């Protein structure tokens, strides 16, 4: 199927997806070496959802993400070195080494987490959009969350308030078909997630989250609608993670055959094939991107390795309020 995009656009989308994939693959290696500790949730297989969505948003829009947020953070412009240093727990990380993998943050880029609590970013997104509306700011707040979050009370509360107060929120459900280890049809009575938002008067649409161009177009149209009407919209990005829920997950809830079947829809491999068929890119282009990304990731690791640990005497900073009496 023809992509109908320019060569430069194709190269950009491919580069961003490869950057995410290689960063995540290297994170697995570093986690095994105990350079990265704590929890680590990988985005491998879901790159098209993150890249397509982020490419449709403006720099001044707000982003709220989940704990599987490395991809969005990287495409948003947080340097790979700051992301890697944060996962190392170093002070030169984007959250000062305080957040780790699940809490990447950059106020400068309007990237407000990384949230470890399932569904925890939803009310924050509503609050950001409310603040913008009260200040007369013409920006959109994009909120990423997984299918598991649709079981949470704050999901329904947030959709209700966004609709009631007519807030410019774009709800982006990255449906990777498993809430941790529970398949979608085992934790909701209606597994068609797009049926939820219309109950609150919010238009909803389902998109192939493994197709980066389809995601970008759908998000672009939804963002423009939110920006024009200052009212919420909902997109379900149907995707699939190729790795376990986290590095601690034994992954006993799905078969290897199922995963291999879904890998036939690898967003990167399929996009490369389509772009080459359309004569937008060549193998030489792919090789160049891979070499550039390998250099970027190597420099990111070096940046993290050189980083310093936060001094022990600063351990109470940002925890206790100063006595202002």
C-alpha atoms as a PDB file:
ATOM      1  CA  UNK A   1       0.000   0.000   0.000  1.00  0.00           C
ATOM      2  CA  UNK A   2       1.425   3.383  -1.040  1.00  0.00           C
ATOM      3  CA  UNK A   3       2.511   5.628   1.841  1.00  0.00           C
ATOM      4  CA  UNK A   4       1.866   9.008   0.159  1.00  0.00           C
ATOM      5  CA  UNK A   5       4.557  10.818   2.139  1.00  0.00           C
ATOM      6  CA  UNK A   6       7.796  12.548   1.138  1.00  0.00           C
ATOM      7  CA  UNK A   7      11.234  10.979   1.287  1.00  0.00           C
ATOM      8  CA  UNK A   8      12.314  13.293   4.112  1.00  0.00           C
ATOM      9  CA  UNK A   9       9.199  12.437   6.080  1.00  0.00           C
ATOM     10  CA  UNK A  10       9.786   8.715   5.606  1.00  0.00           C
ATOM     11  CA  UNK A  11      13.399   9.015   6.729  1.00  0.00           C
ATOM     12  CA  UNK A  12      12.374  10.970   9.821  1.00  0.00           C
ATOM     13  CA  UNK A  13       9.698   8.470  10.876  1.00  0.00           C
ATOM     14  CA  UNK A  14      12.060   5.548  10.336  1.00  0.00           C
ATOM     15  CA  UNK A  15      14.916   7.227  12.215  1.00  0.00           C
ATOM     16  CA  UNK A  16      12.725   7.946  15.238  1.00  0.00           C
ATOM     17  CA  UNK A  17      11.393   4.384  15.410  1.00  0.00           C
ATOM     18  CA  UNK A  18      14.892   2.922  15.113  1.00  0.00           C
ATOM     19  CA  UNK A  19      16.165   5.288  17.831  1.00  0.00           C
ATOM     20  CA  UNK A  20      13.522   3.958  20.213  1.00  0.00           C
ATOM     21  CA  UNK A  21      14.139   0.306  19.332  1.00  0.00           C
ATOM     22  CA  UNK A  22      17.910   0.519  19.752  1.00  0.00           C
ATOM     23  CA  UNK A  23      17.657   2.498  23.002  1.00  0.00           C
ATOM     24  CA  UNK A  24      15.345  -0.140  24.437  1.00  0.00           C
ATOM     25  CA  UNK A  25      17.489  -3.034  23.248  1.00  0.00           C
ATOM     26  CA  UNK A  26      20.551  -1.467  24.855  1.00  0.00           C
ATOM     27  CA  UNK A  27      18.559  -0.888  28.047  1.00  0.00           C
ATOM     28  CA  UNK A  28      17.895  -4.631  28.245  1.00  0.00           C
ATOM     29  CA  UNK A  29      21.624  -5.282  28.030  1.00  0.00           C
ATOM     30  CA  UNK A  30      22.461  -2.681  30.664  1.00  0.00           C
ATOM     31  CA  UNK A  31      19.731  -3.940  32.968  1.00  0.00           C
ATOM     32  CA  UNK A  32      21.247  -7.429  32.746  1.00  0.00           C
ATOM     33  CA  UNK A  33      24.572  -5.898  33.792  1.00  0.00           C
ATOM     34  CA  UNK A  34      22.810  -4.161  36.730  1.00  0.00           C
ATOM     35  CA  UNK A  35      23.702  -0.741  35.385  1.00  0.00           C
ATOM     36  CA  UNK A  36      19.973  -0.013  35.315  1.00  0.00           C
ATOM     37  CA  UNK A  37      17.986  -1.109  38.356  1.00  0.00           C
ATOM     38  CA  UNK A  38      14.433  -1.021  39.604  1.00  0.00           C
ATOM     39  CA  UNK A  39      11.594  -1.514  37.143  1.00  0.00           C
ATOM     40  CA  UNK A  40      12.080  -1.359  33.378  1.00  0.00           C
ATOM     41  CA  UNK A  41       9.132  -1.434  30.965  1.00  0.00           C
ATOM     42  CA  UNK A  42      10.099  -1.681  27.302  1.00  0.00           C
ATOM     43  CA  UNK A  43       8.401  -0.114  24.272  1.00  0.00           C
ATOM     44  CA  UNK A  44       9.689  -2.647  21.739  1.00  0.00           C
ATOM     45  CA  UNK A  45       6.936  -3.309  19.207  1.00  0.00           C
ATOM     46  CA  UNK A  46       5.000  -0.129  20.030  1.00  0.00           C
ATOM     47  CA  UNK A  47       7.308   2.367  18.322  1.00  0.00           C
ATOM     48  CA  UNK A  48       4.827   3.368  15.620  1.00  0.00           C
ATOM     49  CA  UNK A  49       2.281   4.500  18.209  1.00  0.00           C
ATOM     50  CA  UNK A  50       4.721   6.797  19.984  1.00  0.00           C
ATOM     51  CA  UNK A  51       6.423   8.208  16.910  1.00  0.00           C
ATOM     52  CA  UNK A  52       3.233   8.760  14.920  1.00  0.00           C
ATOM     53  CA  UNK A  53       1.490  10.474  17.822  1.00  0.00           C
ATOM     54  CA  UNK A  54       4.387  12.668  18.882  1.00  0.00           C
ATOM     55  CA  UNK A  55       5.036  13.822  15.323  1.00  0.00           C
ATOM     56  CA  UNK A  56       1.467  15.182  15.134  1.00  0.00           C
ATOM     57  CA  UNK A  57       1.824  17.365  18.244  1.00  0.00           C
ATOM     58  CA  UNK A  58       3.306  20.859  18.576  1.00  0.00           C
ATOM     59  CA  UNK A  59       6.252  21.725  20.781  1.00  0.00           C
ATOM     60  CA  UNK A  60       4.056  23.801  23.088  1.00  0.00           C
ATOM     61  CA  UNK A  61       1.485  21.019  23.611  1.00  0.00           C
ATOM     62  CA  UNK A  62       1.529  19.131  26.907  1.00  0.00           C
ATOM     63  CA  UNK A  63       2.461  15.445  27.077  1.00  0.00           C
ATOM     64  CA  UNK A  64       1.497  13.086  29.908  1.00  0.00           C
ATOM     65  CA  UNK A  65       2.756   9.517  29.623  1.00  0.00           C
ATOM     66  CA  UNK A  66       2.803   6.165  31.394  1.00  0.00           C
ATOM     67  CA  UNK A  67       5.693   4.224  32.903  1.00  0.00           C
ATOM     68  CA  UNK A  68       6.415   2.807  29.391  1.00  0.00           C
ATOM     69  CA  UNK A  69       7.456   6.263  28.238  1.00  0.00           C
ATOM     70  CA  UNK A  70      11.047   6.046  26.964  1.00  0.00           C
ATOM     71  CA  UNK A  71       9.880   6.241  23.349  1.00  0.00           C
ATOM     72  CA  UNK A  72       7.712   9.313  23.748  1.00  0.00           C
ATOM     73  CA  UNK A  73      10.392  11.065  25.795  1.00  0.00           C
ATOM     74  CA  UNK A  74      13.059  10.419  23.166  1.00  0.00           C
ATOM     75  CA  UNK A  75      10.917  11.608  20.246  1.00  0.00           C
ATOM     76  CA  UNK A  76       9.783  14.614  22.279  1.00  0.00           C
ATOM     77  CA  UNK A  77      13.377  15.791  22.332  1.00  0.00           C
ATOM     78  CA  UNK A  78      14.745  14.686  25.691  1.00  0.00           C
ATOM     79  CA  UNK A  79      18.344  13.731  24.821  1.00  0.00           C
ATOM     80  CA  UNK A  80      19.148  10.027  24.881  1.00  0.00           C
ATOM     81  CA  UNK A  81      21.976  10.761  27.319  1.00  0.00           C
ATOM     82  CA  UNK A  82      19.632  12.375  29.840  1.00  0.00           C
ATOM     83  CA  UNK A  83      17.217   9.451  29.513  1.00  0.00           C
ATOM     84  CA  UNK A  84      19.973   6.890  29.996  1.00  0.00           C
ATOM     85  CA  UNK A  85      21.469   8.806  32.925  1.00  0.00           C
ATOM     86  CA  UNK A  86      18.042   8.894  34.556  1.00  0.00           C
ATOM     87  CA  UNK A  87      17.720   5.134  34.200  1.00  0.00           C
ATOM     88  CA  UNK A  88      21.172   4.833  35.777  1.00  0.00           C
ATOM     89  CA  UNK A  89      19.932   7.000  38.655  1.00  0.00           C
ATOM     90  CA  UNK A  90      22.573   9.649  37.997  1.00  0.00           C
ATOM     91  CA  UNK A  91      22.196  13.328  38.880  1.00  0.00           C
ATOM     92  CA  UNK A  92      22.603  14.355  35.214  1.00  0.00           C
ATOM     93  CA  UNK A  93      19.435  12.456  34.307  1.00  0.00           C
ATOM     94  CA  UNK A  94      16.371  14.331  33.077  1.00  0.00           C
ATOM     95  CA  UNK A  95      14.725  13.943  36.500  1.00  0.00           C
ATOM     96  CA  UNK A  96      17.936  14.407  38.437  1.00  0.00           C
ATOM     97  CA  UNK A  97      18.264  10.670  39.007  1.00  0.00           C
ATOM     98  CA  UNK A  98      15.242  10.768  41.315  1.00  0.00           C
ATOM     99  CA  UNK A  99      12.711   9.151  39.010  1.00  0.00           C
ATOM    100  CA  UNK A 100      14.392   6.359  37.103  1.00  0.00           C
ATOM    101  CA  UNK A 101      12.845   4.548  34.155  1.00  0.00           C
ATOM    102  CA  UNK A 102       9.221   5.168  35.122  1.00  0.00           C
ATOM    103  CA  UNK A 103       9.439   8.895  35.836  1.00  0.00           C
ATOM    104  CA  UNK A 104      11.101  10.682  32.922  1.00  0.00           C
ATOM    105  CA  UNK A 105      10.235  14.382  33.085  1.00  0.00           C
ATOM    106  CA  UNK A 106      11.121  17.625  31.338  1.00  0.00           C
ATOM    107  CA  UNK A 107       9.271  20.855  32.100  1.00  0.00           C
ATOM    108  CA  UNK A 108      11.279  22.561  29.339  1.00  0.00           C
ATOM    109  CA  UNK A 109       9.739  20.227  26.757  1.00  0.00           C
ATOM    110  CA  UNK A 110       6.350  20.115  28.465  1.00  0.00           C
ATOM    111  CA  UNK A 111       6.796  16.387  29.066  1.00  0.00           C
ATOM    112  CA  UNK A 112       5.057  15.791  32.388  1.00  0.00           C
ATOM    113  CA  UNK A 113       5.920  12.178  33.189  1.00  0.00           C
ATOM    114  CA  UNK A 114       6.311   9.132  33.316  1.00  0.00           C
ATOM    115  CA  UNK A 115       3.707   7.988  35.888  1.00  0.00           C
ATOM    116  CA  UNK A 116       4.093   4.691  37.728  1.00  0.00           C
ATOM    117  CA  UNK A 117       0.471   4.499  38.883  1.00  0.00           C
ATOM    118  CA  UNK A 118      -1.806   2.918  36.285  1.00  0.00           C
ATOM    119  CA  UNK A 119      -4.127   5.674  35.083  1.00  0.00           C
ATOM    120  CA  UNK A 120      -2.375   8.195  37.322  1.00  0.00           C
ATOM    121  CA  UNK A 121      -1.628  10.578  34.468  1.00  0.00           C
ATOM    122  CA  UNK A 122      -5.253  10.965  33.411  1.00  0.00           C
ATOM    123  CA  UNK A 123      -6.404  13.451  36.099  1.00  0.00           C
ATOM    124  CA  UNK A 124      -3.111  15.327  35.737  1.00  0.00           C
ATOM    125  CA  UNK A 125      -3.789  15.756  32.022  1.00  0.00           C
ATOM    126  CA  UNK A 126      -7.251  17.088  32.812  1.00  0.00           C
ATOM    127  CA  UNK A 127      -5.704  19.532  35.294  1.00  0.00           C
ATOM    128  CA  UNK A 128      -3.146  20.768  32.762  1.00  0.00           C
ATOM    129  CA  UNK A 129      -5.856  21.308  30.165  1.00  0.00           C
ATOM    130  CA  UNK A 130      -8.055  23.114  32.701  1.00  0.00           C
ATOM    131  CA  UNK A 131      -5.166  25.414  33.624  1.00  0.00           C
ATOM    132  CA  UNK A 132      -4.517  26.211  29.957  1.00  0.00           C
ATOM    133  CA  UNK A 133      -8.183  26.955  29.350  1.00  0.00           C
ATOM    134  CA  UNK A 134      -8.366  29.265  32.366  1.00  0.00           C
ATOM    135  CA  UNK A 135      -5.257  31.114  31.146  1.00  0.00           C
ATOM    136  CA  UNK A 136      -6.475  31.311  27.566  1.00  0.00           C
ATOM    137  CA  UNK A 137      -3.603  29.182  26.241  1.00  0.00           C
ATOM    138  CA  UNK A 138      -4.358  27.533  22.875  1.00  0.00           C
ATOM    139  CA  UNK A 139      -2.594  24.235  23.410  1.00  0.00           C
ATOM    140  CA  UNK A 140      -3.567  20.564  23.510  1.00  0.00           C
ATOM    141  CA  UNK A 141      -2.780  18.124  26.300  1.00  0.00           C
ATOM    142  CA  UNK A 142      -2.074  14.625  24.976  1.00  0.00           C
ATOM    143  CA  UNK A 143      -2.436  11.858  27.541  1.00  0.00           C
ATOM    144  CA  UNK A 144      -1.019   8.385  26.875  1.00  0.00           C
ATOM    145  CA  UNK A 145      -2.282   5.399  28.870  1.00  0.00           C
ATOM    146  CA  UNK A 146      -2.683   1.667  28.439  1.00  0.00           C
ATOM    147  CA  UNK A 147      -5.767  -0.525  28.111  1.00  0.00           C
ATOM    148  CA  UNK A 148      -5.437  -1.538  31.767  1.00  0.00           C
ATOM    149  CA  UNK A 149      -6.111   2.058  32.809  1.00  0.00           C
ATOM    150  CA  UNK A 150      -9.626   1.866  31.375  1.00  0.00           C
ATOM    151  CA  UNK A 151     -10.592  -0.252  34.419  1.00  0.00           C
ATOM    152  CA  UNK A 152      -9.583   2.501  36.816  1.00  0.00           C
ATOM    153  CA  UNK A 153     -12.014   4.970  38.344  1.00  0.00           C
ATOM    154  CA  UNK A 154      -9.918   7.964  37.353  1.00  0.00           C
ATOM    155  CA  UNK A 155     -10.290   6.973  33.693  1.00  0.00           C
ATOM    156  CA  UNK A 156     -14.040   7.519  33.831  1.00  0.00           C
ATOM    157  CA  UNK A 157     -13.767  10.531  36.131  1.00  0.00           C
ATOM    158  CA  UNK A 158     -11.231  12.171  33.821  1.00  0.00           C
ATOM    159  CA  UNK A 159     -13.258  11.596  30.661  1.00  0.00           C
ATOM    160  CA  UNK A 160     -16.359  12.904  32.415  1.00  0.00           C
ATOM    161  CA  UNK A 161     -14.683  16.112  33.636  1.00  0.00           C
ATOM    162  CA  UNK A 162     -12.931  16.732  30.305  1.00  0.00           C
ATOM    163  CA  UNK A 163     -16.289  16.502  28.529  1.00  0.00           C
ATOM    164  CA  UNK A 164     -18.211  18.418  31.193  1.00  0.00           C
ATOM    165  CA  UNK A 165     -15.750  21.319  31.261  1.00  0.00           C
ATOM    166  CA  UNK A 166     -14.998  21.144  27.505  1.00  0.00           C
ATOM    167  CA  UNK A 167     -11.250  20.748  27.923  1.00  0.00           C
ATOM    168  CA  UNK A 168      -8.665  20.392  25.118  1.00  0.00           C
ATOM    169  CA  UNK A 169      -7.465  16.883  25.979  1.00  0.00           C
ATOM    170  CA  UNK A 170      -6.549  14.168  23.492  1.00  0.00           C
ATOM    171  CA  UNK A 171      -6.841  10.794  25.220  1.00  0.00           C
ATOM    172  CA  UNK A 172      -4.480   8.269  23.583  1.00  0.00           C
ATOM    173  CA  UNK A 173      -5.057   4.677  24.676  1.00  0.00           C
ATOM    174  CA  UNK A 174      -2.089   2.503  23.687  1.00  0.00           C
ATOM    175  CA  UNK A 175      -3.930  -0.812  23.675  1.00  0.00           C
ATOM    176  CA  UNK A 176      -1.181  -3.448  23.700  1.00  0.00           C
ATOM    177  CA  UNK A 177      -3.833  -6.041  24.576  1.00  0.00           C
ATOM    178  CA  UNK A 178      -2.497  -6.923  28.025  1.00  0.00           C
ATOM    179  CA  UNK A 179      -2.915  -5.129  31.336  1.00  0.00           C
ATOM    180  CA  UNK A 180       0.318  -6.431  32.845  1.00  0.00           C
ATOM    181  CA  UNK A 181      -0.397 -10.167  32.480  1.00  0.00           C
ATOM    182  CA  UNK A 182      -4.147 -10.043  31.932  1.00  0.00           C
ATOM    183  CA  UNK A 183      -5.562 -10.184  28.406  1.00  0.00           C
ATOM    184  CA  UNK A 184      -7.996  -7.423  27.512  1.00  0.00           C
ATOM    185  CA  UNK A 185     -11.021  -9.704  27.134  1.00  0.00           C
ATOM    186  CA  UNK A 186     -10.417 -11.087  30.615  1.00  0.00           C
ATOM    187  CA  UNK A 187     -10.608  -7.783  32.481  1.00  0.00           C
ATOM    188  CA  UNK A 188     -13.362  -5.840  30.684  1.00  0.00           C
ATOM    189  CA  UNK A 189     -16.882  -6.901  29.792  1.00  0.00           C
ATOM    190  CA  UNK A 190     -16.688  -4.963  26.513  1.00  0.00           C
ATOM    191  CA  UNK A 191     -13.221  -5.315  24.993  1.00  0.00           C
ATOM    192  CA  UNK A 192     -14.007  -2.690  22.333  1.00  0.00           C
ATOM    193  CA  UNK A 193     -12.462   0.244  24.193  1.00  0.00           C
ATOM    194  CA  UNK A 194     -13.796   2.884  21.795  1.00  0.00           C
ATOM    195  CA  UNK A 195     -17.283   2.210  23.143  1.00  0.00           C
ATOM    196  CA  UNK A 196     -16.401   3.925  26.443  1.00  0.00           C
ATOM    197  CA  UNK A 197     -15.819   7.597  25.470  1.00  0.00           C
ATOM    198  CA  UNK A 198     -19.159   8.161  23.663  1.00  0.00           C
ATOM    199  CA  UNK A 199     -20.899   7.557  27.011  1.00  0.00           C
ATOM    200  CA  UNK A 200     -19.366  10.916  28.028  1.00  0.00           C
ATOM    201  CA  UNK A 201     -20.046  12.587  24.700  1.00  0.00           C
ATOM    202  CA  UNK A 202     -16.453  12.230  23.505  1.00  0.00           C
ATOM    203  CA  UNK A 203     -15.831  11.204  19.868  1.00  0.00           C
ATOM    204  CA  UNK A 204     -13.633   8.105  19.647  1.00  0.00           C
ATOM    205  CA  UNK A 205     -11.792   6.213  16.934  1.00  0.00           C
ATOM    206  CA  UNK A 206      -9.651   3.095  16.689  1.00  0.00           C
ATOM    207  CA  UNK A 207      -6.391   3.136  14.702  1.00  0.00           C
ATOM    208  CA  UNK A 208      -3.832   0.528  13.659  1.00  0.00           C
ATOM    209  CA  UNK A 209      -1.094   1.374  16.144  1.00  0.00           C
ATOM    210  CA  UNK A 210       1.472  -0.705  14.239  1.00  0.00           C
ATOM    211  CA  UNK A 211       1.270   1.658  11.252  1.00  0.00           C
ATOM    212  CA  UNK A 212       3.196   4.865  11.960  1.00  0.00           C
ATOM    213  CA  UNK A 213       1.638   6.793   9.073  1.00  0.00           C
ATOM    214  CA  UNK A 214      -1.907   5.805  10.047  1.00  0.00           C
ATOM    215  CA  UNK A 215      -1.218   6.878  13.629  1.00  0.00           C
ATOM    216  CA  UNK A 216       0.270  10.213  12.609  1.00  0.00           C
ATOM    217  CA  UNK A 217      -2.677  11.037  10.343  1.00  0.00           C
ATOM    218  CA  UNK A 218      -5.292  10.037  12.901  1.00  0.00           C
ATOM    219  CA  UNK A 219      -3.587  11.952  15.714  1.00  0.00           C
ATOM    220  CA  UNK A 220      -3.080  14.990  13.495  1.00  0.00           C
ATOM    221  CA  UNK A 221      -6.803  15.083  12.648  1.00  0.00           C
ATOM    222  CA  UNK A 222      -7.794  14.563  16.289  1.00  0.00           C
ATOM    223  CA  UNK A 223      -5.386  17.244  17.521  1.00  0.00           C
ATOM    224  CA  UNK A 224      -6.715  19.752  15.014  1.00  0.00           C
ATOM    225  CA  UNK A 225     -10.263  19.002  16.146  1.00  0.00           C
ATOM    226  CA  UNK A 226      -9.332  19.445  19.816  1.00  0.00           C
ATOM    227  CA  UNK A 227      -7.476  22.661  19.033  1.00  0.00           C
ATOM    228  CA  UNK A 228     -10.387  24.081  17.050  1.00  0.00           C
ATOM    229  CA  UNK A 229     -13.212  23.100  19.410  1.00  0.00           C
ATOM    230  CA  UNK A 230     -11.368  23.039  22.758  1.00  0.00           C
ATOM    231  CA  UNK A 231     -13.179  19.775  23.451  1.00  0.00           C
ATOM    232  CA  UNK A 232     -11.747  16.312  24.126  1.00  0.00           C
ATOM    233  CA  UNK A 233     -11.293  13.427  21.709  1.00  0.00           C
ATOM    234  CA  UNK A 234     -10.253   9.807  22.172  1.00  0.00           C
ATOM    235  CA  UNK A 235      -8.051   7.563  20.021  1.00  0.00           C
ATOM    236  CA  UNK A 236      -7.344   3.887  20.606  1.00  0.00           C
ATOM    237  CA  UNK A 237      -3.967   2.900  19.148  1.00  0.00           C
ATOM    238  CA  UNK A 238      -4.100  -0.873  18.707  1.00  0.00           C
ATOM    239  CA  UNK A 239      -0.561  -2.089  19.195  1.00  0.00           C
ATOM    240  CA  UNK A 240       1.397  -4.980  20.739  1.00  0.00           C
ATOM    241  CA  UNK A 241       4.487  -5.201  22.924  1.00  0.00           C
ATOM    242  CA  UNK A 242       6.995  -7.814  21.821  1.00  0.00           C
ATOM    243  CA  UNK A 243       8.637  -8.057  25.233  1.00  0.00           C
ATOM    244  CA  UNK A 244       7.214  -8.981  28.619  1.00  0.00           C
ATOM    245  CA  UNK A 245       5.352  -6.426  30.742  1.00  0.00           C
ATOM    246  CA  UNK A 246       8.586  -5.604  32.583  1.00  0.00           C
ATOM    247  CA  UNK A 247      12.013  -7.118  33.064  1.00  0.00           C
ATOM    248  CA  UNK A 248      10.689  -8.958  36.138  1.00  0.00           C
ATOM    249  CA  UNK A 249       7.846 -10.576  34.191  1.00  0.00           C
ATOM    250  CA  UNK A 250       8.069 -14.344  33.569  1.00  0.00           C
ATOM    251  CA  UNK A 251       5.524 -13.889  30.749  1.00  0.00           C
ATOM    252  CA  UNK A 252       3.512 -17.037  31.457  1.00  0.00           C
ATOM    253  CA  UNK A 253       0.232 -15.550  30.264  1.00  0.00           C
ATOM    254  CA  UNK A 254       0.799 -15.745  26.503  1.00  0.00           C
ATOM    255  CA  UNK A 255       2.441 -18.218  24.159  1.00  0.00           C
ATOM    256  CA  UNK A 256       5.624 -17.718  22.187  1.00  0.00           C
ATOM    257  CA  UNK A 257       3.619 -18.563  19.076  1.00  0.00           C
ATOM    258  CA  UNK A 258       1.304 -15.617  19.714  1.00  0.00           C
ATOM    259  CA  UNK A 259       4.216 -13.220  20.081  1.00  0.00           C
ATOM    260  CA  UNK A 260       5.887 -14.509  16.924  1.00  0.00           C
ATOM    261  CA  UNK A 261       2.644 -14.081  15.002  1.00  0.00           C
ATOM    262  CA  UNK A 262       2.432 -10.436  16.076  1.00  0.00           C
ATOM    263  CA  UNK A 263       6.082  -9.870  15.156  1.00  0.00           C
ATOM    264  CA  UNK A 264       5.028 -10.332  11.536  1.00  0.00           C
ATOM    265  CA  UNK A 265       3.515  -6.865  11.950  1.00  0.00           C
ATOM    266  CA  UNK A 266       6.733  -5.293  13.249  1.00  0.00           C
ATOM    267  CA  UNK A 267       6.189  -1.548  12.713  1.00  0.00           C
ATOM    268  CA  UNK A 268       9.801  -0.896  11.738  1.00  0.00           C
ATOM    269  CA  UNK A 269      10.329  -3.802   9.349  1.00  0.00           C
ATOM    270  CA  UNK A 270       6.969  -3.264   7.671  1.00  0.00           C
ATOM    271  CA  UNK A 271       7.523   0.477   7.288  1.00  0.00           C
ATOM    272  CA  UNK A 272      10.976  -0.115   5.789  1.00  0.00           C
ATOM    273  CA  UNK A 273       9.501  -2.555   3.295  1.00  0.00           C
ATOM    274  CA  UNK A 274       6.728  -0.167   2.257  1.00  0.00           C
ATOM    275  CA  UNK A 275       9.073   2.829   2.017  1.00  0.00           C
ATOM    276  CA  UNK A 276      11.553   0.881  -0.103  1.00  0.00           C
ATOM    277  CA  UNK A 277       8.738  -0.384  -2.329  1.00  0.00           C
ATOM    278  CA  UNK A 278       7.655   3.245  -2.867  1.00  0.00           C
ATOM    279  CA  UNK A 279      11.309   4.107  -3.636  1.00  0.00           C
ATOM    280  CA  UNK A 280      11.362   6.610  -0.778  1.00  0.00           C
ATOM    281  CA  UNK A 281      14.372   5.064   0.942  1.00  0.00           C
ATOM    282  CA  UNK A 282      17.207   2.694   0.099  1.00  0.00           C
ATOM    283  CA  UNK A 283      19.182   0.115   2.035  1.00  0.00           C
ATOM    284  CA  UNK A 284      21.988   2.653   2.162  1.00  0.00           C
ATOM    285  CA  UNK A 285      19.647   5.058   3.968  1.00  0.00           C
ATOM    286  CA  UNK A 286      18.796   2.380   6.517  1.00  0.00           C
ATOM    287  CA  UNK A 287      22.473   1.576   7.060  1.00  0.00           C
ATOM    288  CA  UNK A 288      23.247   5.262   7.604  1.00  0.00           C
ATOM    289  CA  UNK A 289      20.426   5.636  10.129  1.00  0.00           C
ATOM    290  CA  UNK A 290      21.544   2.538  12.005  1.00  0.00           C
ATOM    291  CA  UNK A 291      25.125   3.828  12.175  1.00  0.00           C
ATOM    292  CA  UNK A 292      24.007   7.271  13.377  1.00  0.00           C
ATOM    293  CA  UNK A 293      21.729   5.775  16.018  1.00  0.00           C
ATOM    294  CA  UNK A 294      24.419   3.375  17.231  1.00  0.00           C
ATOM    295  CA  UNK A 295      26.721   6.368  17.742  1.00  0.00           C
ATOM    296  CA  UNK A 296      23.985   8.301  19.572  1.00  0.00           C
ATOM    297  CA  UNK A 297      23.257   5.409  21.940  1.00  0.00           C
ATOM    298  CA  UNK A 298      26.960   4.826  22.614  1.00  0.00           C
ATOM    299  CA  UNK A 299      27.368   8.512  23.504  1.00  0.00           C
ATOM    300  CA  UNK A 300      24.276   8.335  25.722  1.00  0.00           C
ATOM    301  CA  UNK A 301      25.772   5.459  27.698  1.00  0.00           C
ATOM    302  CA  UNK A 302      29.048   7.319  28.028  1.00  0.00           C
ATOM    303  CA  UNK A 303      27.133  10.356  29.306  1.00  0.00           C
ATOM    304  CA  UNK A 304      25.393   8.194  31.896  1.00  0.00           C
ATOM    305  CA  UNK A 305      28.616   6.464  32.932  1.00  0.00           C
ATOM    306  CA  UNK A 306      30.352   9.827  33.450  1.00  0.00           C
ATOM    307  CA  UNK A 307      27.464  11.191  35.470  1.00  0.00           C
ATOM    308  CA  UNK A 308      27.784  11.659  39.220  1.00  0.00           C
ATOM    309  CA  UNK A 309      25.557  10.335  41.956  1.00  0.00           C
ATOM    310  CA  UNK A 310      23.577  12.879  43.919  1.00  0.00           C
ATOM    311  CA  UNK A 311      25.425  13.716  47.169  1.00  0.00           C
ATOM    312  CA  UNK A 312      24.062  11.894  50.202  1.00  0.00           C
ATOM    313  CA  UNK A 313      23.704  15.187  52.058  1.00  0.00           C
ATOM    314  CA  UNK A 314      21.092  16.249  49.464  1.00  0.00           C
ATOM    315  CA  UNK A 315      18.848  13.271  50.169  1.00  0.00           C
ATOM    316  CA  UNK A 316      16.104  15.380  51.762  1.00  0.00           C
ATOM    317  CA  UNK A 317      15.969  17.958  48.946  1.00  0.00           C
ATOM    318  CA  UNK A 318      12.568  18.189  47.229  1.00  0.00           C
ATOM    319  CA  UNK A 319      11.004  16.103  50.015  1.00  0.00           C
ATOM    320  CA  UNK A 320      10.457  18.381  52.989  1.00  0.00           C
ATOM    321  CA  UNK A 321       9.217  21.975  52.779  1.00  0.00           C
ATOM    322  CA  UNK A 322      11.491  24.602  54.286  1.00  0.00           C
ATOM    323  CA  UNK A 323      10.331  26.338  57.437  1.00  0.00           C
ATOM    324  CA  UNK A 324       9.196  29.742  56.154  1.00  0.00           C
ATOM    325  CA  UNK A 325       8.085  31.089  59.541  1.00  0.00           C
END
